[in-house]
Amino acid sequence: MKPCANNHGIPRRWRIFLVVAALACVNSVVNAQDPNTSHRLSPGDRIKVTVYGHDDLSGEFELDGEGSISLPLIRVVPAAGLTANELEGAITDKLKPDYLRNPSVTVEVLSYRPFYIIGEIKAPGAYPYVNGMTVLNAVALAGGYTYRARTKSITIKRQNGQTQNEIRAKPETPVLPGDVIEVPERYF
């Protein structure tokens, strides 16, 4: 294989490899999830609403069982299923026509609803969600597997709007707020 003179002696196939690797790296950075833009709000999430210049309209709120928050002046605002950015728009739209001329609103997720882990682990229960958590992190948080755990058959039950999906999970599978992780028992 002949090196190219204008590429510092790097063979063509290595140049292609380097370009593909660089694109994959850029793509992973671009697709990294920002919890405030990708997370869909659900009951139990705690948020901070800031209306700039109006401290009396700002505050911390928890989504009630129906997925709504109650704000001063505009009262009940449905938030379940919206991202933080979409909720900003909904609050702005409700404030704009009657109460404020040009409101500037931000919504920040303070804490997510917990995830649950059940089955053959040492301390089953509800645990606070941490951004970027995997099944392996969740199991470690719950004290690890029991000696009867079937570690190759872990499932996650995940709510998607009105439907619930069941996912076969590996140790590196991401965990989301509200997930129910089940570690089954082995029978031998």
N, C-alpha and C. Protein backbone atom coordinates (compact mmCIF):
# COMPACT_ATOMS: atom_id res chain seq x y z
N MET A 1 0.84 -1.16 0.00
CA MET A 1 0.00 0.00 0.00
C MET A 1 0.89 1.24 0.00
N LYS A 2 0.56 2.19 -0.89
CA LYS A 2 1.36 3.39 -1.05
C LYS A 2 0.79 4.54 -0.25
N PRO A 3 1.61 5.18 0.58
CA PRO A 3 1.10 6.35 1.31
C PRO A 3 0.92 7.53 0.37
N CYS A 4 -0.04 8.40 0.71
CA CYS A 4 -0.27 9.61 -0.09
C CYS A 4 0.66 10.71 0.40
N ALA A 5 1.20 11.45 -0.52
CA ALA A 5 2.16 12.49 -0.17
C ALA A 5 1.51 13.67 0.55
N ASN A 6 0.25 13.98 0.21
CA ASN A 6 -0.37 15.16 0.80
C ASN A 6 -1.05 14.88 2.14
N ASN A 7 -0.97 13.67 2.66
CA ASN A 7 -1.61 13.33 3.92
C ASN A 7 -0.61 12.80 4.93
N HIS A 8 0.59 13.30 4.89
CA HIS A 8 1.63 12.97 5.85
C HIS A 8 1.93 11.48 5.91
N GLY A 9 1.81 10.79 4.81
CA GLY A 9 2.16 9.38 4.75
C GLY A 9 1.13 8.43 5.34
N ILE A 10 -0.09 8.87 5.61
CA ILE A 10 -1.13 8.00 6.17
C ILE A 10 -1.82 7.28 5.03
N PRO A 11 -1.87 5.94 5.07
CA PRO A 11 -2.56 5.19 4.01
C PRO A 11 -4.04 5.56 3.96
N ARG A 12 -4.64 5.41 2.76
CA ARG A 12 -6.02 5.81 2.52
C ARG A 12 -6.99 5.12 3.47
N ARG A 13 -6.83 3.82 3.69
CA ARG A 13 -7.79 3.11 4.54
C ARG A 13 -7.74 3.63 5.98
N TRP A 14 -6.57 4.07 6.46
CA TRP A 14 -6.48 4.63 7.80
C TRP A 14 -7.11 6.02 7.85
N ARG A 15 -6.97 6.78 6.77
CA ARG A 15 -7.61 8.09 6.72
C ARG A 15 -9.13 7.93 6.78
N ILE A 16 -9.67 6.95 6.04
CA ILE A 16 -11.12 6.69 6.07
C ILE A 16 -11.54 6.29 7.47
N PHE A 17 -10.77 5.41 8.11
CA PHE A 17 -11.08 4.98 9.47
C PHE A 17 -11.10 6.18 10.42
N LEU A 18 -10.11 7.05 10.31
CA LEU A 18 -10.04 8.21 11.20
C LEU A 18 -11.22 9.16 10.99
N VAL A 19 -11.63 9.34 9.73
CA VAL A 19 -12.77 10.21 9.44
C VAL A 19 -14.04 9.61 10.02
N VAL A 20 -14.25 8.30 9.83
CA VAL A 20 -15.44 7.64 10.36
C VAL A 20 -15.45 7.71 11.89
N ALA A 21 -14.31 7.49 12.53
CA ALA A 21 -14.23 7.56 13.98
C ALA A 21 -14.53 8.97 14.47
N ALA A 22 -14.02 9.98 13.78
CA ALA A 22 -14.28 11.36 14.18
C ALA A 22 -15.76 11.70 14.02
N LEU A 23 -16.39 11.24 12.94
CA LEU A 23 -17.82 11.49 12.74
C LEU A 23 -18.66 10.80 13.82
N ALA A 24 -18.28 9.60 14.20
CA ALA A 24 -19.00 8.88 15.26
C ALA A 24 -18.89 9.64 16.57
N CYS A 25 -17.73 10.18 16.84
CA CYS A 25 -17.52 10.94 18.07
C CYS A 25 -18.38 12.21 18.07
N VAL A 26 -18.39 12.93 16.96
CA VAL A 26 -19.19 14.15 16.84
C VAL A 26 -20.66 13.81 16.97
N ASN A 27 -21.10 12.72 16.33
CA ASN A 27 -22.49 12.31 16.37
C ASN A 27 -22.92 11.96 17.80
N SER A 28 -22.05 11.32 18.56
CA SER A 28 -22.42 10.97 19.94
C SER A 28 -22.54 12.22 20.80
N VAL A 29 -21.73 13.23 20.55
CA VAL A 29 -21.83 14.48 21.30
C VAL A 29 -23.12 15.21 20.92
N VAL A 30 -23.46 15.24 19.64
CA VAL A 30 -24.66 15.92 19.18
C VAL A 30 -25.91 15.23 19.72
N ASN A 31 -25.88 13.89 19.79
CA ASN A 31 -27.06 13.14 20.22
C ASN A 31 -27.13 12.94 21.72
N ALA A 32 -26.18 13.47 22.48
CA ALA A 32 -26.22 13.33 23.93
C ALA A 32 -27.50 13.96 24.44
N GLN A 33 -28.17 13.28 25.36
CA GLN A 33 -29.45 13.76 25.82
C GLN A 33 -29.28 14.83 26.88
N ASP A 34 -29.92 15.96 26.66
CA ASP A 34 -30.04 16.99 27.68
C ASP A 34 -31.35 16.72 28.39
N PRO A 35 -31.31 16.43 29.70
CA PRO A 35 -32.53 16.04 30.38
C PRO A 35 -33.63 17.08 30.30
N ASN A 36 -33.29 18.36 30.18
CA ASN A 36 -34.32 19.38 30.12
C ASN A 36 -34.99 19.46 28.75
N THR A 37 -34.41 18.87 27.71
CA THR A 37 -35.04 18.92 26.40
C THR A 37 -35.61 17.58 25.97
N SER A 38 -35.15 16.46 26.52
CA SER A 38 -35.62 15.17 26.04
C SER A 38 -36.53 14.45 27.02
N HIS A 39 -36.44 14.74 28.30
CA HIS A 39 -37.24 14.05 29.30
C HIS A 39 -38.67 14.53 29.25
N ARG A 40 -39.61 13.60 29.18
CA ARG A 40 -41.03 13.92 29.22
C ARG A 40 -41.48 13.93 30.68
N LEU A 41 -42.08 15.01 31.09
CA LEU A 41 -42.51 15.16 32.47
C LEU A 41 -43.65 14.21 32.80
N SER A 42 -43.67 13.74 34.04
CA SER A 42 -44.71 12.84 34.54
C SER A 42 -44.98 13.14 36.00
N PRO A 43 -46.10 12.63 36.54
CA PRO A 43 -46.37 12.85 37.96
C PRO A 43 -45.19 12.43 38.83
N GLY A 44 -44.88 13.26 39.82
CA GLY A 44 -43.76 12.99 40.72
C GLY A 44 -42.51 13.77 40.38
N ASP A 45 -42.39 14.31 39.16
CA ASP A 45 -41.24 15.13 38.81
C ASP A 45 -41.37 16.48 39.52
N ARG A 46 -40.24 17.02 39.94
CA ARG A 46 -40.22 18.32 40.61
C ARG A 46 -39.51 19.31 39.69
N ILE A 47 -40.14 20.47 39.45
CA ILE A 47 -39.60 21.46 38.52
C ILE A 47 -39.50 22.83 39.19
N LYS A 48 -38.69 23.67 38.57
CA LYS A 48 -38.56 25.07 38.99
C LYS A 48 -38.98 25.93 37.82
N VAL A 49 -39.98 26.77 38.04
CA VAL A 49 -40.46 27.70 37.01
C VAL A 49 -39.99 29.09 37.40
N THR A 50 -39.31 29.76 36.47
CA THR A 50 -38.85 31.13 36.69
C THR A 50 -39.48 32.03 35.64
N VAL A 51 -40.23 33.03 36.11
CA VAL A 51 -40.76 34.07 35.24
C VAL A 51 -39.94 35.31 35.55
N TYR A 52 -39.03 35.67 34.63
CA TYR A 52 -38.08 36.76 34.89
C TYR A 52 -38.79 38.08 35.16
N GLY A 53 -38.36 38.71 36.26
CA GLY A 53 -38.94 39.99 36.66
C GLY A 53 -40.20 39.84 37.48
N HIS A 54 -40.63 38.61 37.75
CA HIS A 54 -41.87 38.37 38.51
C HIS A 54 -41.65 37.22 39.49
N ASP A 55 -41.00 37.54 40.61
CA ASP A 55 -40.71 36.52 41.61
C ASP A 55 -41.98 35.90 42.19
N ASP A 56 -43.07 36.68 42.21
CA ASP A 56 -44.32 36.18 42.76
C ASP A 56 -44.95 35.10 41.87
N LEU A 57 -44.54 35.00 40.61
CA LEU A 57 -45.06 33.98 39.70
C LEU A 57 -44.10 32.79 39.57
N SER A 58 -42.92 32.90 40.16
CA SER A 58 -41.90 31.86 40.06
C SER A 58 -41.96 30.95 41.28
N GLY A 59 -41.37 29.76 41.15
CA GLY A 59 -41.30 28.86 42.30
C GLY A 59 -41.00 27.43 41.89
N GLU A 60 -40.97 26.56 42.91
CA GLU A 60 -40.74 25.14 42.70
C GLU A 60 -42.08 24.43 42.81
N PHE A 61 -42.32 23.48 41.90
CA PHE A 61 -43.60 22.79 41.85
C PHE A 61 -43.36 21.31 41.59
N GLU A 62 -44.28 20.47 42.12
CA GLU A 62 -44.24 19.04 41.83
C GLU A 62 -45.49 18.70 41.03
N LEU A 63 -45.31 17.91 39.98
CA LEU A 63 -46.46 17.49 39.18
C LEU A 63 -47.35 16.60 40.04
N ASP A 64 -48.64 16.92 40.07
CA ASP A 64 -49.57 16.14 40.87
C ASP A 64 -49.87 14.80 40.19
N GLY A 65 -50.77 14.03 40.77
CA GLY A 65 -51.09 12.70 40.24
C GLY A 65 -51.64 12.70 38.83
N GLU A 66 -52.20 13.82 38.41
CA GLU A 66 -52.72 13.93 37.05
C GLU A 66 -51.69 14.52 36.08
N GLY A 67 -50.53 14.92 36.60
CA GLY A 67 -49.49 15.47 35.76
C GLY A 67 -49.61 16.96 35.51
N SER A 68 -50.26 17.66 36.42
CA SER A 68 -50.46 19.11 36.27
C SER A 68 -49.73 19.86 37.37
N ILE A 69 -49.51 21.15 37.14
CA ILE A 69 -48.99 22.04 38.18
C ILE A 69 -49.96 23.20 38.32
N SER A 70 -49.98 23.82 39.47
CA SER A 70 -50.85 24.96 39.71
C SER A 70 -49.98 26.19 39.94
N LEU A 71 -50.10 27.16 39.04
CA LEU A 71 -49.30 28.38 39.09
C LEU A 71 -50.16 29.58 39.47
N PRO A 72 -49.56 30.59 40.10
CA PRO A 72 -50.32 31.81 40.39
C PRO A 72 -50.83 32.45 39.09
N LEU A 73 -51.97 33.05 39.16
CA LEU A 73 -52.66 33.73 38.05
C LEU A 73 -53.28 32.76 37.04
N ILE A 74 -52.50 31.85 36.51
CA ILE A 74 -53.01 31.02 35.40
C ILE A 74 -53.54 29.67 35.87
N ARG A 75 -53.39 29.39 37.14
CA ARG A 75 -53.92 28.18 37.78
C ARG A 75 -53.35 26.89 37.22
N VAL A 76 -54.18 25.93 36.89
CA VAL A 76 -53.72 24.59 36.51
C VAL A 76 -53.15 24.58 35.09
N VAL A 77 -51.94 24.03 34.98
CA VAL A 77 -51.28 23.88 33.68
C VAL A 77 -50.94 22.40 33.50
N PRO A 78 -51.52 21.73 32.49
CA PRO A 78 -51.16 20.33 32.24
C PRO A 78 -49.71 20.24 31.78
N ALA A 79 -48.92 19.38 32.45
CA ALA A 79 -47.49 19.28 32.13
C ALA A 79 -47.06 17.87 31.74
N ALA A 80 -47.86 16.87 32.08
CA ALA A 80 -47.48 15.49 31.80
C ALA A 80 -47.32 15.27 30.30
N GLY A 81 -46.23 14.63 29.92
CA GLY A 81 -45.96 14.34 28.51
C GLY A 81 -45.20 15.44 27.79
N LEU A 82 -45.01 16.58 28.44
CA LEU A 82 -44.28 17.68 27.82
C LEU A 82 -42.82 17.66 28.26
N THR A 83 -41.94 18.19 27.42
CA THR A 83 -40.56 18.42 27.85
C THR A 83 -40.53 19.75 28.59
N ALA A 84 -39.42 20.05 29.25
CA ALA A 84 -39.30 21.32 29.96
C ALA A 84 -39.46 22.49 28.99
N ASN A 85 -38.89 22.37 27.80
CA ASN A 85 -39.00 23.44 26.81
C ASN A 85 -40.44 23.63 26.34
N GLU A 86 -41.16 22.52 26.16
CA GLU A 86 -42.57 22.62 25.74
C GLU A 86 -43.42 23.25 26.84
N LEU A 87 -43.12 22.92 28.10
CA LEU A 87 -43.85 23.50 29.21
C LEU A 87 -43.58 25.00 29.31
N GLU A 88 -42.34 25.42 29.04
CA GLU A 88 -42.02 26.86 29.00
C GLU A 88 -42.95 27.57 28.02
N GLY A 89 -43.11 26.98 26.84
CA GLY A 89 -43.99 27.57 25.82
C GLY A 89 -45.44 27.62 26.26
N ALA A 90 -45.91 26.56 26.92
CA ALA A 90 -47.30 26.52 27.38
C ALA A 90 -47.56 27.58 28.44
N ILE A 91 -46.62 27.75 29.37
CA ILE A 91 -46.78 28.77 30.42
C ILE A 91 -46.72 30.16 29.81
N THR A 92 -45.78 30.37 28.88
CA THR A 92 -45.66 31.67 28.20
C THR A 92 -46.96 32.01 27.48
N ASP A 93 -47.54 31.04 26.77
CA ASP A 93 -48.78 31.28 26.04
C ASP A 93 -49.94 31.65 26.97
N LYS A 94 -49.98 31.03 28.15
CA LYS A 94 -51.06 31.34 29.09
C LYS A 94 -50.87 32.72 29.74
N LEU A 95 -49.61 33.12 29.97
CA LEU A 95 -49.35 34.42 30.58
C LEU A 95 -49.48 35.57 29.59
N LYS A 96 -49.11 35.34 28.33
CA LYS A 96 -48.99 36.40 27.34
C LYS A 96 -50.28 37.17 27.07
N PRO A 97 -51.37 36.57 26.78
CA PRO A 97 -52.48 37.41 26.34
C PRO A 97 -53.09 38.29 27.42
N ASP A 98 -53.22 37.79 28.64
CA ASP A 98 -53.97 38.53 29.65
C ASP A 98 -53.15 39.14 30.77
N TYR A 99 -51.98 38.56 31.09
CA TYR A 99 -51.29 38.97 32.31
C TYR A 99 -49.98 39.72 32.07
N LEU A 100 -49.16 39.26 31.14
CA LEU A 100 -47.87 39.90 30.87
C LEU A 100 -47.74 40.16 29.37
N ARG A 101 -47.03 41.24 29.04
CA ARG A 101 -46.84 41.57 27.63
C ARG A 101 -45.90 40.62 26.91
N ASN A 102 -44.70 40.49 27.44
CA ASN A 102 -43.70 39.65 26.79
C ASN A 102 -42.99 38.80 27.86
N PRO A 103 -43.66 37.78 28.39
CA PRO A 103 -43.06 37.02 29.49
C PRO A 103 -41.86 36.19 29.04
N SER A 104 -40.88 36.12 29.92
CA SER A 104 -39.71 35.28 29.69
C SER A 104 -39.72 34.20 30.77
N VAL A 105 -39.95 32.96 30.34
CA VAL A 105 -40.16 31.86 31.27
C VAL A 105 -39.11 30.78 31.03
N THR A 106 -38.56 30.21 32.11
CA THR A 106 -37.71 29.03 32.00
C THR A 106 -38.24 27.97 32.95
N VAL A 107 -38.08 26.71 32.54
CA VAL A 107 -38.47 25.57 33.37
C VAL A 107 -37.27 24.66 33.48
N GLU A 108 -36.95 24.30 34.71
CA GLU A 108 -35.81 23.42 34.98
C GLU A 108 -36.30 22.23 35.79
N VAL A 109 -35.89 21.02 35.41
CA VAL A 109 -36.25 19.83 36.18
C VAL A 109 -35.29 19.74 37.36
N LEU A 110 -35.83 19.78 38.57
CA LEU A 110 -35.01 19.70 39.79
C LEU A 110 -34.76 18.25 40.19
N SER A 111 -35.81 17.45 40.16
CA SER A 111 -35.65 16.03 40.48
C SER A 111 -36.68 15.22 39.70
N TYR A 112 -36.27 14.04 39.32
CA TYR A 112 -37.11 13.15 38.54
C TYR A 112 -37.84 12.19 39.45
N ARG A 113 -38.94 11.62 38.96
CA ARG A 113 -39.61 10.60 39.74
C ARG A 113 -38.67 9.41 39.89
N PRO A 114 -38.86 8.59 40.90
CA PRO A 114 -37.91 7.49 41.14
C PRO A 114 -38.08 6.36 40.13
N PHE A 115 -37.09 5.49 40.08
CA PHE A 115 -37.24 4.23 39.35
C PHE A 115 -37.38 3.14 40.41
N TYR A 116 -37.86 1.99 39.99
CA TYR A 116 -38.11 0.89 40.92
C TYR A 116 -37.33 -0.33 40.48
N ILE A 117 -36.84 -1.09 41.45
CA ILE A 117 -36.13 -2.32 41.13
C ILE A 117 -36.65 -3.41 42.05
N ILE A 118 -37.08 -4.52 41.43
CA ILE A 118 -37.70 -5.60 42.19
C ILE A 118 -37.08 -6.93 41.79
N GLY A 119 -37.35 -7.95 42.58
CA GLY A 119 -36.88 -9.29 42.25
C GLY A 119 -35.68 -9.68 43.08
N GLU A 120 -34.78 -10.40 42.45
CA GLU A 120 -33.65 -11.02 43.13
C GLU A 120 -32.46 -10.07 43.27
N ILE A 121 -32.69 -9.04 44.06
CA ILE A 121 -31.62 -8.12 44.45
C ILE A 121 -31.70 -7.94 45.96
N LYS A 122 -30.66 -7.45 46.56
CA LYS A 122 -30.58 -7.41 48.03
C LYS A 122 -31.50 -6.39 48.67
N ALA A 123 -31.77 -5.27 48.03
CA ALA A 123 -32.62 -4.23 48.63
C ALA A 123 -33.59 -3.68 47.59
N PRO A 124 -34.65 -4.44 47.26
CA PRO A 124 -35.61 -3.94 46.28
C PRO A 124 -36.33 -2.70 46.79
N GLY A 125 -36.81 -1.89 45.86
CA GLY A 125 -37.56 -0.70 46.27
C GLY A 125 -37.45 0.42 45.26
N ALA A 126 -37.84 1.62 45.69
CA ALA A 126 -37.78 2.82 44.87
C ALA A 126 -36.49 3.56 45.18
N TYR A 127 -35.85 4.06 44.12
CA TYR A 127 -34.59 4.79 44.28
C TYR A 127 -34.64 6.06 43.45
N PRO A 128 -33.98 7.12 43.91
CA PRO A 128 -33.98 8.37 43.15
C PRO A 128 -33.23 8.20 41.83
N TYR A 129 -33.80 8.75 40.78
CA TYR A 129 -33.18 8.67 39.46
C TYR A 129 -32.00 9.64 39.37
N VAL A 130 -30.93 9.19 38.74
CA VAL A 130 -29.77 10.03 38.47
C VAL A 130 -29.55 9.99 36.96
N ASN A 131 -29.36 11.15 36.36
CA ASN A 131 -29.19 11.22 34.91
C ASN A 131 -28.02 10.36 34.45
N GLY A 132 -28.21 9.57 33.40
CA GLY A 132 -27.16 8.73 32.84
C GLY A 132 -27.07 7.36 33.49
N MET A 133 -28.01 7.00 34.32
CA MET A 133 -27.99 5.73 35.04
C MET A 133 -28.23 4.55 34.10
N THR A 134 -27.54 3.44 34.38
CA THR A 134 -27.72 2.19 33.63
C THR A 134 -28.27 1.13 34.58
N VAL A 135 -28.65 -0.02 34.02
CA VAL A 135 -29.14 -1.13 34.83
C VAL A 135 -28.09 -1.56 35.84
N LEU A 136 -26.84 -1.60 35.43
CA LEU A 136 -25.76 -1.99 36.34
C LEU A 136 -25.66 -1.02 37.52
N ASN A 137 -25.77 0.28 37.26
CA ASN A 137 -25.76 1.28 38.33
C ASN A 137 -26.94 1.07 39.28
N ALA A 138 -28.12 0.79 38.71
CA ALA A 138 -29.32 0.59 39.52
C ALA A 138 -29.18 -0.62 40.43
N VAL A 139 -28.64 -1.72 39.89
CA VAL A 139 -28.45 -2.93 40.69
C VAL A 139 -27.45 -2.66 41.81
N ALA A 140 -26.39 -1.95 41.51
CA ALA A 140 -25.39 -1.62 42.53
C ALA A 140 -26.00 -0.75 43.62
N LEU A 141 -26.84 0.20 43.23
CA LEU A 141 -27.51 1.07 44.19
C LEU A 141 -28.42 0.27 45.12
N ALA A 142 -29.00 -0.80 44.58
CA ALA A 142 -29.91 -1.66 45.35
C ALA A 142 -29.19 -2.78 46.09
N GLY A 143 -27.89 -2.70 46.21
CA GLY A 143 -27.14 -3.67 47.01
C GLY A 143 -26.60 -4.86 46.26
N GLY A 144 -26.85 -4.95 44.97
CA GLY A 144 -26.34 -6.07 44.18
C GLY A 144 -27.36 -7.20 44.07
N TYR A 145 -26.98 -8.22 43.29
CA TYR A 145 -27.83 -9.38 43.05
C TYR A 145 -27.82 -10.32 44.26
N THR A 146 -28.89 -11.08 44.43
CA THR A 146 -28.88 -12.19 45.38
C THR A 146 -28.24 -13.37 44.67
N TYR A 147 -27.98 -14.44 45.40
CA TYR A 147 -27.34 -15.61 44.79
C TYR A 147 -28.27 -16.33 43.82
N ARG A 148 -29.59 -16.05 43.89
CA ARG A 148 -30.55 -16.71 43.01
C ARG A 148 -30.87 -15.89 41.75
N ALA A 149 -30.25 -14.78 41.55
CA ALA A 149 -30.61 -13.89 40.44
C ALA A 149 -30.24 -14.48 39.09
N ARG A 150 -31.15 -14.34 38.14
CA ARG A 150 -30.90 -14.73 36.75
C ARG A 150 -30.51 -13.45 36.01
N THR A 151 -29.21 -13.17 35.97
CA THR A 151 -28.71 -11.88 35.49
C THR A 151 -28.81 -11.69 33.98
N LYS A 152 -29.08 -12.76 33.25
CA LYS A 152 -29.18 -12.65 31.78
C LYS A 152 -30.61 -12.40 31.31
N SER A 153 -31.57 -12.32 32.24
CA SER A 153 -32.98 -12.18 31.85
C SER A 153 -33.65 -10.98 32.51
N ILE A 154 -32.94 -9.91 32.71
CA ILE A 154 -33.49 -8.72 33.34
C ILE A 154 -34.43 -8.01 32.37
N THR A 155 -35.56 -7.53 32.88
CA THR A 155 -36.50 -6.78 32.05
C THR A 155 -36.76 -5.41 32.66
N ILE A 156 -37.13 -4.47 31.80
CA ILE A 156 -37.52 -3.13 32.24
C ILE A 156 -38.93 -2.89 31.71
N LYS A 157 -39.82 -2.48 32.59
CA LYS A 157 -41.15 -2.05 32.17
C LYS A 157 -41.12 -0.53 32.14
N ARG A 158 -41.41 0.02 30.96
CA ARG A 158 -41.29 1.47 30.75
C ARG A 158 -42.60 2.01 30.20
N GLN A 159 -43.12 3.03 30.85
CA GLN A 159 -44.35 3.68 30.41
C GLN A 159 -44.04 4.61 29.25
N ASN A 160 -44.77 4.46 28.16
CA ASN A 160 -44.63 5.31 26.99
C ASN A 160 -45.99 5.92 26.69
N GLY A 161 -46.29 7.05 27.29
CA GLY A 161 -47.62 7.63 27.12
C GLY A 161 -48.64 6.75 27.81
N GLN A 162 -49.60 6.23 27.06
CA GLN A 162 -50.64 5.36 27.60
C GLN A 162 -50.27 3.89 27.55
N THR A 163 -49.19 3.55 26.85
CA THR A 163 -48.79 2.14 26.72
C THR A 163 -47.58 1.85 27.59
N GLN A 164 -47.44 0.57 27.93
CA GLN A 164 -46.28 0.14 28.70
C GLN A 164 -45.50 -0.87 27.87
N ASN A 165 -44.21 -0.62 27.72
CA ASN A 165 -43.33 -1.52 26.96
C ASN A 165 -42.49 -2.33 27.91
N GLU A 166 -42.20 -3.57 27.52
CA GLU A 166 -41.29 -4.41 28.29
C GLU A 166 -40.03 -4.61 27.45
N ILE A 167 -38.90 -4.30 28.03
CA ILE A 167 -37.62 -4.31 27.32
C ILE A 167 -36.70 -5.33 27.97
N ARG A 168 -36.03 -6.16 27.16
CA ARG A 168 -34.97 -7.03 27.67
C ARG A 168 -33.76 -6.15 27.91
N ALA A 169 -33.20 -6.23 29.09
CA ALA A 169 -32.13 -5.30 29.46
C ALA A 169 -30.80 -6.00 29.62
N LYS A 170 -29.77 -5.27 29.29
CA LYS A 170 -28.38 -5.67 29.51
C LYS A 170 -27.83 -4.73 30.58
N PRO A 171 -26.65 -5.01 31.13
CA PRO A 171 -26.09 -4.12 32.16
C PRO A 171 -25.93 -2.67 31.69
N GLU A 172 -25.67 -2.45 30.41
CA GLU A 172 -25.45 -1.09 29.91
C GLU A 172 -26.72 -0.39 29.43
N THR A 173 -27.88 -1.03 29.56
CA THR A 173 -29.15 -0.43 29.14
C THR A 173 -29.46 0.78 30.02
N PRO A 174 -29.80 1.92 29.41
CA PRO A 174 -30.12 3.11 30.20
C PRO A 174 -31.42 2.94 30.98
N VAL A 175 -31.46 3.50 32.16
CA VAL A 175 -32.65 3.52 33.00
C VAL A 175 -33.24 4.92 32.93
N LEU A 176 -34.57 5.01 32.85
CA LEU A 176 -35.26 6.30 32.81
C LEU A 176 -36.13 6.45 34.05
N PRO A 177 -36.51 7.68 34.39
CA PRO A 177 -37.39 7.87 35.54
C PRO A 177 -38.69 7.10 35.37
N GLY A 178 -39.13 6.45 36.45
CA GLY A 178 -40.37 5.69 36.41
C GLY A 178 -40.23 4.26 35.94
N ASP A 179 -39.05 3.86 35.47
CA ASP A 179 -38.85 2.48 35.02
C ASP A 179 -39.00 1.51 36.17
N VAL A 180 -39.47 0.31 35.86
CA VAL A 180 -39.52 -0.78 36.82
C VAL A 180 -38.59 -1.87 36.30
N ILE A 181 -37.49 -2.10 37.01
CA ILE A 181 -36.49 -3.11 36.63
C ILE A 181 -36.81 -4.37 37.40
N GLU A 182 -36.90 -5.50 36.69
CA GLU A 182 -37.20 -6.77 37.36
C GLU A 182 -36.07 -7.76 37.10
N VAL A 183 -35.50 -8.28 38.18
CA VAL A 183 -34.45 -9.29 38.12
C VAL A 183 -35.10 -10.61 38.54
N PRO A 184 -35.30 -11.54 37.59
CA PRO A 184 -36.00 -12.79 37.93
C PRO A 184 -35.12 -13.78 38.69
N GLU A 185 -35.77 -14.80 39.21
CA GLU A 185 -35.11 -15.86 39.96
C GLU A 185 -34.72 -16.98 39.00
N ARG A 186 -33.55 -17.58 39.23
CA ARG A 186 -33.18 -18.75 38.43
C ARG A 186 -33.65 -19.99 39.16
N TYR A 187 -33.88 -21.06 38.40
CA TYR A 187 -34.52 -22.25 38.97
C TYR A 187 -33.60 -23.44 39.02
N PHE A 188 -32.34 -23.29 39.26
CA PHE A 188 -31.47 -24.48 39.38
C PHE A 188 -30.55 -24.38 40.54
